[in-house]
Amino acid sequence: MNNEVPGKGKSIASLVLGICALVVPYGGIVLAIVGLVLGASAKKDAATVGQTNGMATAGLVLSIIALAWAVLLVVLCSGTLCALGTIGSMYY
């Protein structure tokens, strides 16, 4: 009898990509999106046989946090650059 959880490889990949996405600031957006896709696919594979997959859930959560953090970082940096660009025109 095989006790292997379906989608285990995808779960591990999702978890690793979620962790890497948290560490890499701007490239993390791509890593987080791929981690989201793999995590969702692994959860779907495990659900088809009625099993749970904690690693897939952890990968999904980490990927969502990393994606939100990366988007927030891009928005804040863009806003800062726009604000700095208008400082010179304030004195004319």
N, C-alpha and C. Protein backbone atom coordinates (compact mmCIF):
# COMPACT_ATOMS: atom_id res chain seq x y z
N MET A 1 0.84 -1.18 0.00
CA MET A 1 0.00 0.00 0.00
C MET A 1 0.88 1.24 0.00
N ASN A 2 0.55 2.19 -0.82
CA ASN A 2 1.35 3.41 -0.97
C ASN A 2 0.74 4.52 -0.13
N ASN A 3 1.51 5.03 0.85
CA ASN A 3 1.03 6.12 1.70
C ASN A 3 1.53 7.47 1.23
N GLU A 4 2.05 7.53 0.05
CA GLU A 4 2.59 8.77 -0.51
C GLU A 4 1.46 9.74 -0.82
N VAL A 5 1.63 10.99 -0.39
CA VAL A 5 0.63 12.02 -0.67
C VAL A 5 0.80 12.48 -2.11
N PRO A 6 -0.26 12.47 -2.92
CA PRO A 6 -0.13 12.96 -4.29
C PRO A 6 0.27 14.43 -4.31
N GLY A 7 1.13 14.78 -5.22
CA GLY A 7 1.57 16.16 -5.34
C GLY A 7 2.63 16.56 -4.35
N LYS A 8 3.33 15.56 -3.77
CA LYS A 8 4.33 15.87 -2.75
C LYS A 8 5.49 16.69 -3.33
N GLY A 9 5.91 16.35 -4.54
CA GLY A 9 6.98 17.11 -5.18
C GLY A 9 6.58 18.56 -5.44
N LYS A 10 5.33 18.75 -5.85
CA LYS A 10 4.83 20.10 -6.07
C LYS A 10 4.76 20.86 -4.75
N SER A 11 4.41 20.15 -3.68
CA SER A 11 4.32 20.78 -2.36
C SER A 11 5.68 21.28 -1.90
N ILE A 12 6.69 20.44 -2.07
CA ILE A 12 8.04 20.82 -1.68
C ILE A 12 8.52 22.00 -2.51
N ALA A 13 8.27 21.95 -3.81
CA ALA A 13 8.67 23.05 -4.68
C ALA A 13 7.95 24.35 -4.29
N SER A 14 6.67 24.25 -3.96
CA SER A 14 5.91 25.43 -3.55
C SER A 14 6.47 26.02 -2.27
N LEU A 15 6.82 25.18 -1.32
CA LEU A 15 7.37 25.63 -0.05
C LEU A 15 8.73 26.31 -0.26
N VAL A 16 9.58 25.69 -1.05
CA VAL A 16 10.91 26.26 -1.32
C VAL A 16 10.78 27.59 -2.07
N LEU A 17 9.90 27.65 -3.06
CA LEU A 17 9.71 28.89 -3.80
C LEU A 17 9.12 29.98 -2.92
N GLY A 18 8.22 29.62 -2.01
CA GLY A 18 7.67 30.61 -1.09
C GLY A 18 8.73 31.19 -0.19
N ILE A 19 9.63 30.35 0.31
CA ILE A 19 10.73 30.84 1.15
C ILE A 19 11.68 31.71 0.34
N CYS A 20 12.03 31.26 -0.85
CA CYS A 20 12.93 32.05 -1.71
C CYS A 20 12.30 33.38 -2.11
N ALA A 21 11.01 33.38 -2.34
CA ALA A 21 10.32 34.60 -2.73
C ALA A 21 10.36 35.64 -1.61
N LEU A 22 10.37 35.19 -0.36
CA LEU A 22 10.48 36.12 0.76
C LEU A 22 11.87 36.74 0.86
N VAL A 23 12.87 36.00 0.41
CA VAL A 23 14.25 36.46 0.53
C VAL A 23 14.65 37.37 -0.62
N VAL A 24 14.18 37.08 -1.83
CA VAL A 24 14.55 37.84 -3.02
C VAL A 24 13.54 38.99 -3.20
N PRO A 25 13.98 40.25 -3.12
CA PRO A 25 13.02 41.36 -3.12
C PRO A 25 12.18 41.48 -4.40
N TYR A 26 12.79 41.73 -5.53
CA TYR A 26 12.00 42.00 -6.73
C TYR A 26 11.76 40.76 -7.57
N GLY A 27 12.70 39.84 -7.62
CA GLY A 27 12.50 38.59 -8.33
C GLY A 27 11.51 37.69 -7.62
N GLY A 28 11.18 38.06 -6.39
CA GLY A 28 10.25 37.29 -5.61
C GLY A 28 8.85 37.26 -6.17
N ILE A 29 8.52 38.24 -6.99
CA ILE A 29 7.18 38.27 -7.59
C ILE A 29 6.98 37.04 -8.47
N VAL A 30 7.95 36.76 -9.30
CA VAL A 30 7.86 35.61 -10.20
C VAL A 30 7.87 34.31 -9.39
N LEU A 31 8.77 34.23 -8.41
CA LEU A 31 8.85 33.03 -7.58
C LEU A 31 7.55 32.79 -6.82
N ALA A 32 6.96 33.86 -6.30
CA ALA A 32 5.71 33.73 -5.54
C ALA A 32 4.56 33.25 -6.43
N ILE A 33 4.50 33.75 -7.64
CA ILE A 33 3.43 33.34 -8.55
C ILE A 33 3.56 31.86 -8.90
N VAL A 34 4.78 31.43 -9.19
CA VAL A 34 5.01 30.01 -9.49
C VAL A 34 4.71 29.16 -8.26
N GLY A 35 5.10 29.65 -7.07
CA GLY A 35 4.80 28.93 -5.83
C GLY A 35 3.31 28.81 -5.57
N LEU A 36 2.56 29.87 -5.90
CA LEU A 36 1.11 29.82 -5.76
C LEU A 36 0.50 28.76 -6.66
N VAL A 37 0.94 28.73 -7.90
CA VAL A 37 0.39 27.76 -8.86
C VAL A 37 0.71 26.33 -8.43
N LEU A 38 1.96 26.09 -8.03
CA LEU A 38 2.34 24.73 -7.61
C LEU A 38 1.62 24.32 -6.33
N GLY A 39 1.49 25.25 -5.39
CA GLY A 39 0.81 24.93 -4.14
C GLY A 39 -0.66 24.61 -4.35
N ALA A 40 -1.32 25.39 -5.19
CA ALA A 40 -2.74 25.13 -5.48
C ALA A 40 -2.91 23.79 -6.19
N SER A 41 -2.00 23.50 -7.11
CA SER A 41 -2.06 22.23 -7.84
C SER A 41 -1.82 21.05 -6.89
N ALA A 42 -0.88 21.19 -5.97
CA ALA A 42 -0.59 20.11 -5.02
C ALA A 42 -1.77 19.89 -4.07
N LYS A 43 -2.40 20.96 -3.62
CA LYS A 43 -3.58 20.82 -2.75
C LYS A 43 -4.71 20.12 -3.49
N LYS A 44 -4.87 20.45 -4.78
CA LYS A 44 -5.92 19.82 -5.58
C LYS A 44 -5.63 18.34 -5.78
N ASP A 45 -4.37 18.00 -6.02
CA ASP A 45 -3.99 16.60 -6.19
C ASP A 45 -4.25 15.80 -4.91
N ALA A 46 -3.92 16.38 -3.77
CA ALA A 46 -4.12 15.68 -2.50
C ALA A 46 -5.60 15.56 -2.17
N ALA A 47 -6.38 16.57 -2.53
CA ALA A 47 -7.82 16.55 -2.22
C ALA A 47 -8.56 15.49 -3.04
N THR A 48 -8.03 15.15 -4.20
CA THR A 48 -8.71 14.16 -5.03
C THR A 48 -8.73 12.78 -4.39
N VAL A 49 -7.75 12.51 -3.52
CA VAL A 49 -7.72 11.22 -2.82
C VAL A 49 -8.11 11.37 -1.35
N GLY A 50 -8.56 12.55 -0.96
CA GLY A 50 -9.04 12.77 0.40
C GLY A 50 -7.97 12.94 1.44
N GLN A 51 -6.79 13.38 1.04
CA GLN A 51 -5.70 13.60 2.00
C GLN A 51 -5.42 15.09 2.13
N THR A 52 -4.78 15.45 3.24
CA THR A 52 -4.37 16.84 3.42
C THR A 52 -2.89 16.96 3.12
N ASN A 53 -2.47 18.16 2.80
CA ASN A 53 -1.08 18.39 2.44
C ASN A 53 -0.62 19.69 3.09
N GLY A 54 0.03 19.56 4.25
CA GLY A 54 0.46 20.73 5.01
C GLY A 54 1.54 21.53 4.32
N MET A 55 2.44 20.85 3.60
CA MET A 55 3.49 21.57 2.90
C MET A 55 2.92 22.44 1.79
N ALA A 56 1.91 21.96 1.12
CA ALA A 56 1.28 22.76 0.07
C ALA A 56 0.62 23.99 0.66
N THR A 57 -0.02 23.82 1.80
CA THR A 57 -0.66 24.95 2.48
C THR A 57 0.40 25.96 2.92
N ALA A 58 1.49 25.49 3.48
CA ALA A 58 2.57 26.39 3.90
C ALA A 58 3.17 27.11 2.70
N GLY A 59 3.35 26.41 1.60
CA GLY A 59 3.87 27.04 0.38
C GLY A 59 2.93 28.10 -0.15
N LEU A 60 1.62 27.81 -0.11
CA LEU A 60 0.63 28.80 -0.54
C LEU A 60 0.68 30.04 0.34
N VAL A 61 0.71 29.84 1.65
CA VAL A 61 0.72 30.98 2.57
C VAL A 61 1.98 31.82 2.39
N LEU A 62 3.13 31.16 2.31
CA LEU A 62 4.38 31.90 2.11
C LEU A 62 4.39 32.64 0.78
N SER A 63 3.87 32.01 -0.25
CA SER A 63 3.83 32.66 -1.57
C SER A 63 2.90 33.87 -1.56
N ILE A 64 1.78 33.77 -0.88
CA ILE A 64 0.85 34.90 -0.80
C ILE A 64 1.49 36.05 -0.03
N ILE A 65 2.14 35.73 1.09
CA ILE A 65 2.80 36.78 1.87
C ILE A 65 3.92 37.42 1.06
N ALA A 66 4.71 36.61 0.37
CA ALA A 66 5.82 37.13 -0.43
C ALA A 66 5.32 37.99 -1.58
N LEU A 67 4.22 37.58 -2.21
CA LEU A 67 3.67 38.36 -3.31
C LEU A 67 3.14 39.70 -2.81
N ALA A 68 2.44 39.68 -1.68
CA ALA A 68 1.93 40.93 -1.11
C ALA A 68 3.08 41.85 -0.72
N TRP A 69 4.12 41.28 -0.12
CA TRP A 69 5.27 42.07 0.29
C TRP A 69 5.99 42.67 -0.92
N ALA A 70 6.16 41.90 -1.97
CA ALA A 70 6.85 42.39 -3.17
C ALA A 70 6.05 43.49 -3.86
N VAL A 71 4.73 43.32 -3.94
CA VAL A 71 3.89 44.35 -4.56
C VAL A 71 3.93 45.63 -3.72
N LEU A 72 3.86 45.48 -2.41
CA LEU A 72 3.94 46.65 -1.53
C LEU A 72 5.28 47.35 -1.68
N LEU A 73 6.34 46.59 -1.79
CA LEU A 73 7.68 47.16 -1.97
C LEU A 73 7.78 47.93 -3.28
N VAL A 74 7.23 47.39 -4.34
CA VAL A 74 7.25 48.08 -5.64
C VAL A 74 6.44 49.37 -5.58
N VAL A 75 5.27 49.32 -4.96
CA VAL A 75 4.43 50.52 -4.86
C VAL A 75 5.11 51.59 -4.02
N LEU A 76 5.69 51.20 -2.89
CA LEU A 76 6.35 52.19 -2.03
C LEU A 76 7.58 52.79 -2.71
N CYS A 77 8.37 51.97 -3.38
CA CYS A 77 9.55 52.49 -4.08
C CYS A 77 9.15 53.40 -5.24
N SER A 78 8.10 53.04 -5.95
CA SER A 78 7.63 53.89 -7.05
C SER A 78 7.12 55.23 -6.52
N GLY A 79 6.38 55.18 -5.42
CA GLY A 79 5.89 56.41 -4.82
C GLY A 79 7.01 57.29 -4.32
N THR A 80 8.03 56.68 -3.75
CA THR A 80 9.18 57.44 -3.27
C THR A 80 9.92 58.10 -4.43
N LEU A 81 10.10 57.38 -5.51
CA LEU A 81 10.78 57.95 -6.67
C LEU A 81 9.98 59.09 -7.29
N CYS A 82 8.67 58.94 -7.33
CA CYS A 82 7.82 60.02 -7.85
C CYS A 82 7.90 61.25 -6.95
N ALA A 83 7.90 61.03 -5.66
CA ALA A 83 7.98 62.15 -4.72
C ALA A 83 9.33 62.84 -4.82
N LEU A 84 10.39 62.08 -4.96
CA LEU A 84 11.71 62.67 -5.10
C LEU A 84 11.86 63.43 -6.42
N GLY A 85 11.17 62.98 -7.43
CA GLY A 85 11.24 63.65 -8.72
C GLY A 85 10.56 65.01 -8.72
N THR A 86 9.63 65.23 -7.82
CA THR A 86 8.92 66.51 -7.78
C THR A 86 9.54 67.52 -6.83
N ILE A 87 10.56 67.13 -6.10
CA ILE A 87 11.18 68.05 -5.12
C ILE A 87 11.84 69.22 -5.84
N GLY A 88 12.50 68.96 -6.94
CA GLY A 88 13.18 70.03 -7.67
C GLY A 88 12.23 71.07 -8.22
N SER A 89 11.02 70.68 -8.59
CA SER A 89 10.07 71.63 -9.16
C SER A 89 9.34 72.43 -8.10
N MET A 90 9.50 72.12 -6.84
CA MET A 90 8.81 72.85 -5.79
C MET A 90 9.39 74.25 -5.58
N TYR A 91 10.62 74.47 -5.97
CA TYR A 91 11.28 75.74 -5.72
C TYR A 91 11.27 76.68 -6.91
N TYR A 92 10.56 76.34 -7.97
CA TYR A 92 10.51 77.20 -9.16
C TYR A 92 9.15 77.77 -9.35
